[in-house]
Amino acid sequence: MRAQKNTQKLCMHSNIVYIGRMNASDTIDFQLRWGWSKLARLYSSMAEHNGISLSVGYALLSIEKEGTPSTKLGPRMGMESTSLSRTLKGMEAQGFIERRSDSQDKRRVRIFLTDEGLVARKQIKELVIELNARLHELLGEEAVAQLLEGLSKLNELLEAPEQLIPTNWAPLNDNTLASS
């Protein structure tokens, strides 16, 4: 019983109660999802003001000047192939991209930005820079540095997600880990 009281004090000291229940807002994944959801809505509304959807904005920023293989674009953007295909078709219809055969491997297709796509990319890039500058201003440089460092460390840990699984839990299969 005494050990339980000490654990409870320790958990209360950190404002997180792990005994029996845990508030969703006290978890890292909740804060990431909640924050990303709000940030994505903000980006989306700002981009749509310029006539560009959020997914098109990400694609514009993800396509390299020397073209990007279509197979690399989805994973880079965290987008499933069906959603990516729909986004690319829309971008092609808007005149933002063109598809060309890869000069070294004719079986592969590379995505290139057109002149209109480069203009749209510049607008989106400016939006991202301005929003991030404002976040730096409001949060402060030290808080931003700590946040970026923490997120970078989290991404490193998630590169080998099996290390995060408690030893008393059944391991996830390789397909589950690969799809995340």
C-alpha atoms as a PDB file:
ATOM      1  CA  MET A   1       0.000   0.000   0.000  1.00  0.00           C
ATOM      2  CA  ARG A   2       2.842   2.364   0.857  1.00  0.00           C
ATOM      3  CA  ALA A   3       4.417   1.884  -2.597  1.00  0.00           C
ATOM      4  CA  GLN A   4       1.069   2.687  -4.186  1.00  0.00           C
ATOM      5  CA  LYS A   5       0.850   5.993  -2.272  1.00  0.00           C
ATOM      6  CA  ASN A   6       4.351   6.946  -3.424  1.00  0.00           C
ATOM      7  CA  THR A   7       3.432   6.134  -7.015  1.00  0.00           C
ATOM      8  CA  GLN A   8       0.271   8.169  -6.701  1.00  0.00           C
ATOM      9  CA  LYS A   9       2.213  11.159  -5.326  1.00  0.00           C
ATOM     10  CA  LEU A  10       4.747  10.870  -8.138  1.00  0.00           C
ATOM     11  CA  CYS A  11       2.018  10.752 -10.757  1.00  0.00           C
ATOM     12  CA  MET A  12       0.105  13.640  -9.205  1.00  0.00           C
ATOM     13  CA  HIS A  13       3.309  15.686  -9.112  1.00  0.00           C
ATOM     14  CA  SER A  14       3.596  15.349 -12.880  1.00  0.00           C
ATOM     15  CA  ASN A  15      -0.125  16.199 -13.343  1.00  0.00           C
ATOM     16  CA  ILE A  16      -0.757  12.808 -14.907  1.00  0.00           C
ATOM     17  CA  VAL A  17      -2.830  10.159 -13.173  1.00  0.00           C
ATOM     18  CA  TYR A  18      -1.942   6.688 -14.399  1.00  0.00           C
ATOM     19  CA  ILE A  19      -3.714   4.687 -11.696  1.00  0.00           C
ATOM     20  CA  GLY A  20      -6.819   3.124 -13.194  1.00  0.00           C
ATOM     21  CA  ARG A  21      -7.400   5.772 -15.839  1.00  0.00           C
ATOM     22  CA  MET A  22      -5.688   8.441 -17.872  1.00  0.00           C
ATOM     23  CA  ASN A  23      -7.088  11.609 -19.369  1.00  0.00           C
ATOM     24  CA  ALA A  24      -6.841  11.621 -23.147  1.00  0.00           C
ATOM     25  CA  SER A  25      -5.505  15.180 -23.057  1.00  0.00           C
ATOM     26  CA  ASP A  26      -2.529  13.941 -21.021  1.00  0.00           C
ATOM     27  CA  THR A  27      -1.278  11.723 -23.838  1.00  0.00           C
ATOM     28  CA  ILE A  28       1.234  12.692 -26.487  1.00  0.00           C
ATOM     29  CA  ASP A  29      -0.845  11.240 -29.315  1.00  0.00           C
ATOM     30  CA  PHE A  30      -3.932  13.241 -28.272  1.00  0.00           C
ATOM     31  CA  GLN A  31      -2.004  16.524 -28.205  1.00  0.00           C
ATOM     32  CA  LEU A  32      -0.357  15.757 -31.560  1.00  0.00           C
ATOM     33  CA  ARG A  33      -3.652  14.839 -33.218  1.00  0.00           C
ATOM     34  CA  TRP A  34      -5.569  17.742 -31.647  1.00  0.00           C
ATOM     35  CA  GLY A  35      -2.870  20.264 -32.555  1.00  0.00           C
ATOM     36  CA  TRP A  36      -2.396  18.896 -36.063  1.00  0.00           C
ATOM     37  CA  SER A  37      -6.143  18.936 -36.669  1.00  0.00           C
ATOM     38  CA  LYS A  38      -6.351  22.627 -35.780  1.00  0.00           C
ATOM     39  CA  LEU A  39      -3.190  23.499 -37.706  1.00  0.00           C
ATOM     40  CA  ALA A  40      -4.394  21.585 -40.778  1.00  0.00           C
ATOM     41  CA  ARG A  41      -7.726  23.450 -40.689  1.00  0.00           C
ATOM     42  CA  LEU A  42      -5.851  26.752 -40.468  1.00  0.00           C
ATOM     43  CA  TYR A  43      -3.544  25.837 -43.364  1.00  0.00           C
ATOM     44  CA  SER A  44      -6.519  24.568 -45.337  1.00  0.00           C
ATOM     45  CA  SER A  45      -8.542  27.757 -44.928  1.00  0.00           C
ATOM     46  CA  MET A  46      -5.525  29.915 -45.801  1.00  0.00           C
ATOM     47  CA  ALA A  47      -4.636  27.798 -48.850  1.00  0.00           C
ATOM     48  CA  GLU A  48      -8.234  27.662 -50.071  1.00  0.00           C
ATOM     49  CA  HIS A  49      -8.273  31.459 -49.932  1.00  0.00           C
ATOM     50  CA  ASN A  50      -5.730  31.145 -52.773  1.00  0.00           C
ATOM     51  CA  GLY A  51      -7.828  28.478 -54.528  1.00  0.00           C
ATOM     52  CA  ILE A  52      -5.613  25.586 -53.442  1.00  0.00           C
ATOM     53  CA  SER A  53      -6.649  22.615 -51.293  1.00  0.00           C
ATOM     54  CA  LEU A  54      -4.480  21.379 -48.440  1.00  0.00           C
ATOM     55  CA  SER A  55      -3.546  18.170 -50.279  1.00  0.00           C
ATOM     56  CA  VAL A  56      -2.595  20.130 -53.406  1.00  0.00           C
ATOM     57  CA  GLY A  57      -0.511  22.459 -51.233  1.00  0.00           C
ATOM     58  CA  TYR A  58       1.407  19.517 -49.762  1.00  0.00           C
ATOM     59  CA  ALA A  59       1.944  18.047 -53.200  1.00  0.00           C
ATOM     60  CA  LEU A  60       3.233  21.372 -54.536  1.00  0.00           C
ATOM     61  CA  LEU A  61       5.768  21.523 -51.700  1.00  0.00           C
ATOM     62  CA  SER A  62       6.748  17.860 -52.105  1.00  0.00           C
ATOM     63  CA  ILE A  63       7.529  17.857 -55.833  1.00  0.00           C
ATOM     64  CA  GLU A  64      11.215  18.472 -56.498  1.00  0.00           C
ATOM     65  CA  LYS A  65      12.475  20.745 -59.278  1.00  0.00           C
ATOM     66  CA  GLU A  66      13.984  17.792 -61.157  1.00  0.00           C
ATOM     67  CA  GLY A  67      10.670  15.974 -60.863  1.00  0.00           C
ATOM     68  CA  THR A  68       9.550  13.400 -58.349  1.00  0.00           C
ATOM     69  CA  PRO A  69       8.675   9.780 -59.079  1.00  0.00           C
ATOM     70  CA  SER A  70       4.956   9.339 -58.469  1.00  0.00           C
ATOM     71  CA  THR A  71       5.742   6.282 -56.324  1.00  0.00           C
ATOM     72  CA  LYS A  72       7.784   8.412 -53.896  1.00  0.00           C
ATOM     73  CA  LEU A  73       5.257  11.218 -53.622  1.00  0.00           C
ATOM     74  CA  GLY A  74       2.592   9.307 -51.651  1.00  0.00           C
ATOM     75  CA  PRO A  75       4.904   8.130 -48.849  1.00  0.00           C
ATOM     76  CA  ARG A  76       6.534  11.565 -48.670  1.00  0.00           C
ATOM     77  CA  MET A  77       3.132  13.169 -48.148  1.00  0.00           C
ATOM     78  CA  GLY A  78       1.694  10.400 -45.971  1.00  0.00           C
ATOM     79  CA  MET A  79      -1.049   9.843 -48.527  1.00  0.00           C
ATOM     80  CA  GLU A  80      -2.623   6.618 -49.792  1.00  0.00           C
ATOM     81  CA  SER A  81      -2.258   5.924 -53.519  1.00  0.00           C
ATOM     82  CA  THR A  82      -5.971   6.417 -54.303  1.00  0.00           C
ATOM     83  CA  SER A  83      -6.030   9.841 -52.615  1.00  0.00           C
ATOM     84  CA  LEU A  84      -2.750  10.787 -54.266  1.00  0.00           C
ATOM     85  CA  SER A  85      -4.051   9.752 -57.677  1.00  0.00           C
ATOM     86  CA  ARG A  86      -7.149  11.922 -57.214  1.00  0.00           C
ATOM     87  CA  THR A  87      -5.004  14.874 -56.052  1.00  0.00           C
ATOM     88  CA  LEU A  88      -2.615  14.532 -59.002  1.00  0.00           C
ATOM     89  CA  LYS A  89      -5.492  14.326 -61.502  1.00  0.00           C
ATOM     90  CA  GLY A  90      -6.910  17.538 -60.054  1.00  0.00           C
ATOM     91  CA  MET A  91      -3.502  19.224 -60.179  1.00  0.00           C
ATOM     92  CA  GLU A  92      -3.086  18.158 -63.790  1.00  0.00           C
ATOM     93  CA  ALA A  93      -6.522  19.598 -64.637  1.00  0.00           C
ATOM     94  CA  GLN A  94      -5.533  22.875 -62.921  1.00  0.00           C
ATOM     95  CA  GLY A  95      -2.351  22.980 -64.987  1.00  0.00           C
ATOM     96  CA  PHE A  96      -0.049  22.691 -61.936  1.00  0.00           C
ATOM     97  CA  ILE A  97       1.761  19.498 -62.958  1.00  0.00           C
ATOM     98  CA  GLU A  98       2.706  17.362 -65.897  1.00  0.00           C
ATOM     99  CA  ARG A  99       3.692  13.713 -65.975  1.00  0.00           C
ATOM    100  CA  ARG A 100       6.749  12.599 -67.930  1.00  0.00           C
ATOM    101  CA  SER A 101       8.494   9.287 -68.401  1.00  0.00           C
ATOM    102  CA  ASP A 102      11.667   8.957 -66.354  1.00  0.00           C
ATOM    103  CA  SER A 103      14.683   9.546 -68.613  1.00  0.00           C
ATOM    104  CA  GLN A 104      16.558   6.593 -67.073  1.00  0.00           C
ATOM    105  CA  ASP A 105      13.664   4.160 -66.651  1.00  0.00           C
ATOM    106  CA  LYS A 106      10.827   4.565 -69.150  1.00  0.00           C
ATOM    107  CA  ARG A 107       8.536   2.424 -66.972  1.00  0.00           C
ATOM    108  CA  ARG A 108       8.570   5.081 -64.248  1.00  0.00           C
ATOM    109  CA  VAL A 109       6.662   8.349 -64.303  1.00  0.00           C
ATOM    110  CA  ARG A 110       7.986  11.556 -62.799  1.00  0.00           C
ATOM    111  CA  ILE A 111       5.805  14.461 -61.733  1.00  0.00           C
ATOM    112  CA  PHE A 112       6.995  17.965 -62.668  1.00  0.00           C
ATOM    113  CA  LEU A 113       5.607  21.370 -61.743  1.00  0.00           C
ATOM    114  CA  THR A 114       4.515  23.568 -64.631  1.00  0.00           C
ATOM    115  CA  ASP A 115       5.047  27.346 -64.594  1.00  0.00           C
ATOM    116  CA  GLU A 116       1.585  27.693 -63.019  1.00  0.00           C
ATOM    117  CA  GLY A 117       2.536  25.036 -60.475  1.00  0.00           C
ATOM    118  CA  LEU A 118       5.701  26.953 -59.590  1.00  0.00           C
ATOM    119  CA  VAL A 119       3.642  30.114 -58.974  1.00  0.00           C
ATOM    120  CA  ALA A 120       1.204  28.178 -56.760  1.00  0.00           C
ATOM    121  CA  ARG A 121       4.129  26.536 -54.929  1.00  0.00           C
ATOM    122  CA  LYS A 122       5.615  29.965 -54.208  1.00  0.00           C
ATOM    123  CA  GLN A 123       2.298  31.117 -52.702  1.00  0.00           C
ATOM    124  CA  ILE A 124       2.036  28.023 -50.504  1.00  0.00           C
ATOM    125  CA  LYS A 125       5.672  28.270 -49.432  1.00  0.00           C
ATOM    126  CA  GLU A 126       5.154  31.907 -48.403  1.00  0.00           C
ATOM    127  CA  LEU A 127       2.059  30.892 -46.440  1.00  0.00           C
ATOM    128  CA  VAL A 128       4.018  28.191 -44.560  1.00  0.00           C
ATOM    129  CA  ILE A 129       6.903  30.583 -43.855  1.00  0.00           C
ATOM    130  CA  GLU A 130       4.584  33.330 -42.608  1.00  0.00           C
ATOM    131  CA  LEU A 131       2.565  30.995 -40.393  1.00  0.00           C
ATOM    132  CA  ASN A 132       5.719  29.474 -38.910  1.00  0.00           C
ATOM    133  CA  ALA A 133       7.208  32.924 -38.300  1.00  0.00           C
ATOM    134  CA  ARG A 134       4.031  33.866 -36.440  1.00  0.00           C
ATOM    135  CA  LEU A 135       4.209  30.665 -34.366  1.00  0.00           C
ATOM    136  CA  HIS A 136       7.840  31.459 -33.481  1.00  0.00           C
ATOM    137  CA  GLU A 137       6.764  34.942 -32.470  1.00  0.00           C
ATOM    138  CA  LEU A 138       3.864  33.772 -30.283  1.00  0.00           C
ATOM    139  CA  LEU A 139       5.494  30.697 -28.737  1.00  0.00           C
ATOM    140  CA  GLY A 140       8.993  32.096 -28.367  1.00  0.00           C
ATOM    141  CA  GLU A 141      12.211  30.741 -29.817  1.00  0.00           C
ATOM    142  CA  GLU A 142      13.054  28.576 -26.803  1.00  0.00           C
ATOM    143  CA  ALA A 143       9.644  26.857 -26.793  1.00  0.00           C
ATOM    144  CA  VAL A 144       9.825  26.270 -30.556  1.00  0.00           C
ATOM    145  CA  ALA A 145      13.334  24.809 -30.248  1.00  0.00           C
ATOM    146  CA  GLN A 146      12.174  22.464 -27.461  1.00  0.00           C
ATOM    147  CA  LEU A 147       9.075  21.459 -29.417  1.00  0.00           C
ATOM    148  CA  LEU A 148      11.061  20.706 -32.577  1.00  0.00           C
ATOM    149  CA  GLU A 149      13.675  18.780 -30.595  1.00  0.00           C
ATOM    150  CA  GLY A 150      10.977  16.725 -28.856  1.00  0.00           C
ATOM    151  CA  LEU A 151       9.133  15.989 -32.096  1.00  0.00           C
ATOM    152  CA  SER A 152      12.388  15.025 -33.796  1.00  0.00           C
ATOM    153  CA  LYS A 153      13.179  12.608 -30.956  1.00  0.00           C
ATOM    154  CA  LEU A 154       9.634  11.182 -31.158  1.00  0.00           C
ATOM    155  CA  ASN A 155      10.057  10.604 -34.904  1.00  0.00           C
ATOM    156  CA  GLU A 156      13.360   8.819 -34.231  1.00  0.00           C
ATOM    157  CA  LEU A 157      11.655   6.559 -31.675  1.00  0.00           C
ATOM    158  CA  LEU A 158       8.843   5.826 -34.109  1.00  0.00           C
ATOM    159  CA  GLU A 159      11.363   4.631 -36.711  1.00  0.00           C
ATOM    160  CA  ALA A 160      11.632   1.498 -34.528  1.00  0.00           C
ATOM    161  CA  PRO A 161       8.124   1.326 -33.009  1.00  0.00           C
ATOM    162  CA  GLU A 162       8.654  -2.126 -31.527  1.00  0.00           C
ATOM    163  CA  GLN A 163      10.728  -0.515 -28.755  1.00  0.00           C
ATOM    164  CA  LEU A 164       7.627   1.364 -27.586  1.00  0.00           C
ATOM    165  CA  ILE A 165       5.497  -1.744 -27.087  1.00  0.00           C
ATOM    166  CA  PRO A 166       5.265  -2.784 -23.411  1.00  0.00           C
ATOM    167  CA  THR A 167       6.822  -6.192 -22.765  1.00  0.00           C
ATOM    168  CA  ASN A 168       3.546  -7.636 -21.456  1.00  0.00           C
ATOM    169  CA  TRP A 169       1.696  -6.834 -24.726  1.00  0.00           C
ATOM    170  CA  ALA A 170       1.553  -9.088 -27.744  1.00  0.00           C
ATOM    171  CA  PRO A 171       3.902  -7.810 -30.443  1.00  0.00           C
ATOM    172  CA  LEU A 172       2.432  -6.129 -33.481  1.00  0.00           C
ATOM    173  CA  ASN A 173       2.939  -7.920 -36.761  1.00  0.00           C
ATOM    174  CA  ASP A 174       5.282  -6.476 -39.382  1.00  0.00           C
ATOM    175  CA  ASN A 175       2.372  -5.365 -41.599  1.00  0.00           C
ATOM    176  CA  THR A 176       0.917  -3.247 -38.802  1.00  0.00           C
ATOM    177  CA  LEU A 177       4.260  -1.551 -38.147  1.00  0.00           C
ATOM    178  CA  ALA A 178       5.020  -1.024 -41.844  1.00  0.00           C
ATOM    179  CA  SER A 179       1.712   0.670 -42.612  1.00  0.00           C
ATOM    180  CA  SER A 180       2.134   3.369 -39.997  1.00  0.00           C
END
